[in-house]
Amino acid sequence: MQNPFESGHIKNYLLLYASVVVIMVLFFIASSLFLDQKKVDKKLFNKDSNNTQLNIQKTQQEQENHLKFKLLKPL
């Protein structure tokens, strides 16, 4: 195997490396140009949902208090 620094092949390796870098840069530019930017609308949350959640929790607690069977306390 020959030493690429002595035989003059280093120029070919550098050109290959540079061409790969240029192709990667071109693909990056092309992908960013053709990428459609979608505008996302700001989502607004209902502020009254907290009150309804509290009401649901209260009704669930009331239902738990009125169980059909009464559980015994552990010893």
N, C-alpha and C. Protein backbone atom coordinates (compact mmCIF):
# COMPACT_ATOMS: atom_id res chain seq x y z
N MET A 1 0.84 -1.18 0.00
CA MET A 1 0.00 0.00 0.00
C MET A 1 0.89 1.24 0.00
N GLN A 2 0.52 2.20 -0.82
CA GLN A 2 1.34 3.41 -0.96
C GLN A 2 0.88 4.47 0.03
N ASN A 3 1.81 5.28 0.44
CA ASN A 3 1.50 6.40 1.32
C ASN A 3 0.85 7.50 0.49
N PRO A 4 -0.40 7.91 0.83
CA PRO A 4 -1.08 8.91 0.01
C PRO A 4 -0.40 10.28 0.07
N PHE A 5 0.36 10.55 1.13
CA PHE A 5 1.04 11.84 1.22
C PHE A 5 2.20 11.91 0.24
N GLU A 6 2.84 10.79 -0.02
CA GLU A 6 4.00 10.79 -0.91
C GLU A 6 3.60 10.60 -2.36
N SER A 7 2.55 9.86 -2.63
CA SER A 7 2.18 9.54 -4.02
C SER A 7 1.30 10.61 -4.66
N GLY A 8 0.84 11.59 -3.92
CA GLY A 8 0.03 12.65 -4.52
C GLY A 8 -1.45 12.35 -4.52
N HIS A 9 -1.87 11.26 -3.88
CA HIS A 9 -3.29 10.92 -3.84
C HIS A 9 -4.06 11.72 -2.79
N ILE A 10 -3.33 12.44 -1.96
CA ILE A 10 -4.00 13.19 -0.90
C ILE A 10 -4.95 14.24 -1.48
N LYS A 11 -4.58 14.75 -2.66
CA LYS A 11 -5.44 15.73 -3.32
C LYS A 11 -6.80 15.11 -3.65
N ASN A 12 -6.80 13.85 -4.09
CA ASN A 12 -8.06 13.16 -4.41
C ASN A 12 -8.90 12.96 -3.16
N TYR A 13 -8.26 12.60 -2.04
CA TYR A 13 -9.00 12.42 -0.78
C TYR A 13 -9.61 13.73 -0.30
N LEU A 14 -8.87 14.82 -0.41
CA LEU A 14 -9.39 16.12 0.01
C LEU A 14 -10.55 16.56 -0.89
N LEU A 15 -10.44 16.31 -2.19
CA LEU A 15 -11.53 16.64 -3.11
C LEU A 15 -12.78 15.80 -2.80
N LEU A 16 -12.58 14.53 -2.48
CA LEU A 16 -13.71 13.68 -2.13
C LEU A 16 -14.39 14.19 -0.85
N TYR A 17 -13.60 14.53 0.15
CA TYR A 17 -14.14 15.04 1.40
C TYR A 17 -14.88 16.36 1.16
N ALA A 18 -14.29 17.26 0.38
CA ALA A 18 -14.93 18.55 0.11
C ALA A 18 -16.22 18.36 -0.68
N SER A 19 -16.25 17.43 -1.62
CA SER A 19 -17.47 17.21 -2.40
C SER A 19 -18.58 16.64 -1.51
N VAL A 20 -18.24 15.77 -0.57
CA VAL A 20 -19.26 15.24 0.34
C VAL A 20 -19.82 16.35 1.22
N VAL A 21 -18.96 17.23 1.70
CA VAL A 21 -19.42 18.35 2.54
C VAL A 21 -20.31 19.29 1.73
N VAL A 22 -19.94 19.57 0.49
CA VAL A 22 -20.74 20.46 -0.36
C VAL A 22 -22.10 19.84 -0.64
N ILE A 23 -22.14 18.54 -0.89
CA ILE A 23 -23.43 17.87 -1.15
C ILE A 23 -24.31 17.92 0.09
N MET A 24 -23.72 17.71 1.28
CA MET A 24 -24.50 17.78 2.52
C MET A 24 -25.06 19.19 2.73
N VAL A 25 -24.28 20.21 2.46
CA VAL A 25 -24.74 21.59 2.61
C VAL A 25 -25.86 21.88 1.62
N LEU A 26 -25.73 21.41 0.38
CA LEU A 26 -26.78 21.64 -0.61
C LEU A 26 -28.08 20.94 -0.22
N PHE A 27 -27.99 19.73 0.29
CA PHE A 27 -29.19 19.03 0.74
C PHE A 27 -29.84 19.76 1.90
N PHE A 28 -29.05 20.30 2.81
CA PHE A 28 -29.59 21.05 3.94
C PHE A 28 -30.31 22.30 3.47
N ILE A 29 -29.71 23.02 2.55
CA ILE A 29 -30.33 24.24 2.02
C ILE A 29 -31.61 23.90 1.27
N ALA A 30 -31.57 22.84 0.47
CA ALA A 30 -32.77 22.45 -0.29
C ALA A 30 -33.89 22.01 0.64
N SER A 31 -33.57 21.29 1.68
CA SER A 31 -34.62 20.83 2.59
C SER A 31 -35.21 21.99 3.38
N SER A 32 -34.40 22.99 3.71
CA SER A 32 -34.94 24.13 4.44
C SER A 32 -35.75 25.06 3.53
N LEU A 33 -35.45 25.10 2.26
CA LEU A 33 -36.22 25.94 1.34
C LEU A 33 -37.59 25.36 1.07
N PHE A 34 -37.67 24.04 0.90
CA PHE A 34 -38.93 23.41 0.53
C PHE A 34 -39.75 22.95 1.72
N LEU A 35 -39.29 23.23 2.92
CA LEU A 35 -40.02 22.84 4.11
C LEU A 35 -41.13 23.86 4.37
N ASP A 36 -42.35 23.36 4.43
CA ASP A 36 -43.50 24.25 4.68
C ASP A 36 -43.61 24.51 6.17
N GLN A 37 -43.62 25.77 6.53
CA GLN A 37 -43.77 26.15 7.93
C GLN A 37 -45.26 26.28 8.22
N LYS A 38 -45.76 25.43 9.10
CA LYS A 38 -47.17 25.50 9.48
C LYS A 38 -47.29 26.39 10.70
N LYS A 39 -48.24 27.30 10.63
CA LYS A 39 -48.47 28.19 11.76
C LYS A 39 -49.45 27.52 12.70
N VAL A 40 -49.07 27.40 13.93
CA VAL A 40 -49.91 26.73 14.93
C VAL A 40 -50.68 27.78 15.71
N ASP A 41 -51.99 27.59 15.78
CA ASP A 41 -52.82 28.52 16.53
C ASP A 41 -52.64 28.27 18.02
N LYS A 42 -52.72 29.35 18.78
CA LYS A 42 -52.58 29.25 20.22
C LYS A 42 -53.84 28.62 20.80
N LYS A 43 -53.66 27.61 21.62
CA LYS A 43 -54.80 26.93 22.20
C LYS A 43 -55.18 27.58 23.51
N LEU A 44 -56.45 27.87 23.63
CA LEU A 44 -56.97 28.48 24.85
C LEU A 44 -57.72 27.42 25.64
N PHE A 45 -57.43 27.34 26.91
CA PHE A 45 -58.07 26.36 27.76
C PHE A 45 -59.22 27.01 28.52
N ASN A 46 -60.21 26.22 28.79
CA ASN A 46 -61.37 26.69 29.53
C ASN A 46 -60.99 26.83 31.00
N LYS A 47 -61.18 28.01 31.54
CA LYS A 47 -60.79 28.25 32.94
C LYS A 47 -61.82 27.69 33.91
N ASP A 48 -63.03 27.41 33.44
CA ASP A 48 -64.07 26.88 34.30
C ASP A 48 -63.94 25.38 34.52
N SER A 49 -63.02 24.74 33.84
CA SER A 49 -62.89 23.29 33.97
C SER A 49 -62.44 22.89 35.36
N ASN A 50 -61.70 23.74 36.05
CA ASN A 50 -61.25 23.44 37.40
C ASN A 50 -62.44 23.31 38.34
N ASN A 51 -63.44 24.18 38.17
CA ASN A 51 -64.64 24.11 39.01
C ASN A 51 -65.42 22.83 38.74
N THR A 52 -65.53 22.44 37.50
CA THR A 52 -66.24 21.21 37.19
C THR A 52 -65.48 20.01 37.73
N GLN A 53 -64.18 20.06 37.69
CA GLN A 53 -63.37 18.97 38.23
C GLN A 53 -63.59 18.85 39.73
N LEU A 54 -63.66 19.98 40.42
CA LEU A 54 -63.92 19.95 41.86
C LEU A 54 -65.30 19.38 42.15
N ASN A 55 -66.29 19.75 41.34
CA ASN A 55 -67.64 19.22 41.52
C ASN A 55 -67.67 17.71 41.31
N ILE A 56 -66.95 17.23 40.35
CA ILE A 56 -66.88 15.79 40.08
C ILE A 56 -66.23 15.07 41.26
N GLN A 57 -65.17 15.65 41.80
CA GLN A 57 -64.51 15.03 42.94
C GLN A 57 -65.42 15.02 44.16
N LYS A 58 -66.17 16.08 44.36
CA LYS A 58 -67.10 16.12 45.50
C LYS A 58 -68.18 15.05 45.36
N THR A 59 -68.72 14.89 44.18
CA THR A 59 -69.76 13.88 43.98
C THR A 59 -69.18 12.48 44.17
N GLN A 60 -67.95 12.26 43.74
CA GLN A 60 -67.33 10.95 43.93
C GLN A 60 -67.10 10.68 45.42
N GLN A 61 -66.71 11.69 46.17
CA GLN A 61 -66.51 11.52 47.60
C GLN A 61 -67.84 11.24 48.30
N GLU A 62 -68.88 11.90 47.87
CA GLU A 62 -70.19 11.65 48.45
C GLU A 62 -70.67 10.23 48.16
N GLN A 63 -70.38 9.76 46.97
CA GLN A 63 -70.75 8.40 46.61
C GLN A 63 -69.97 7.39 47.44
N GLU A 64 -68.71 7.69 47.70
CA GLU A 64 -67.89 6.79 48.50
C GLU A 64 -68.38 6.76 49.94
N ASN A 65 -68.90 7.87 50.44
CA ASN A 65 -69.41 7.93 51.81
C ASN A 65 -70.69 7.12 51.96
N HIS A 66 -71.43 6.96 50.93
CA HIS A 66 -72.70 6.24 50.96
C HIS A 66 -72.54 4.86 50.33
N LEU A 67 -71.55 4.12 50.80
CA LEU A 67 -71.35 2.78 50.27
C LEU A 67 -72.42 1.83 50.79
N LYS A 68 -72.63 0.78 50.04
CA LYS A 68 -73.60 -0.20 50.43
C LYS A 68 -73.11 -1.03 51.62
N PHE A 69 -71.80 -1.29 51.62
CA PHE A 69 -71.19 -2.07 52.69
C PHE A 69 -70.26 -1.18 53.50
N LYS A 70 -70.26 -1.41 54.77
CA LYS A 70 -69.38 -0.63 55.64
C LYS A 70 -68.15 -1.48 55.93
N LEU A 71 -66.98 -0.90 55.72
CA LEU A 71 -65.74 -1.62 55.94
C LEU A 71 -65.32 -1.49 57.40
N LEU A 72 -64.73 -2.57 57.91
CA LEU A 72 -64.26 -2.57 59.29
C LEU A 72 -62.87 -1.97 59.35
N LYS A 73 -62.57 -1.32 60.43
CA LYS A 73 -61.24 -0.75 60.61
C LYS A 73 -60.26 -1.88 60.95
N PRO A 74 -59.03 -1.82 60.45
CA PRO A 74 -58.06 -2.88 60.77
C PRO A 74 -57.67 -2.83 62.23
N LEU A 75 -57.25 -3.97 62.75
CA LEU A 75 -56.87 -4.06 64.17
C LEU A 75 -55.56 -3.38 64.45
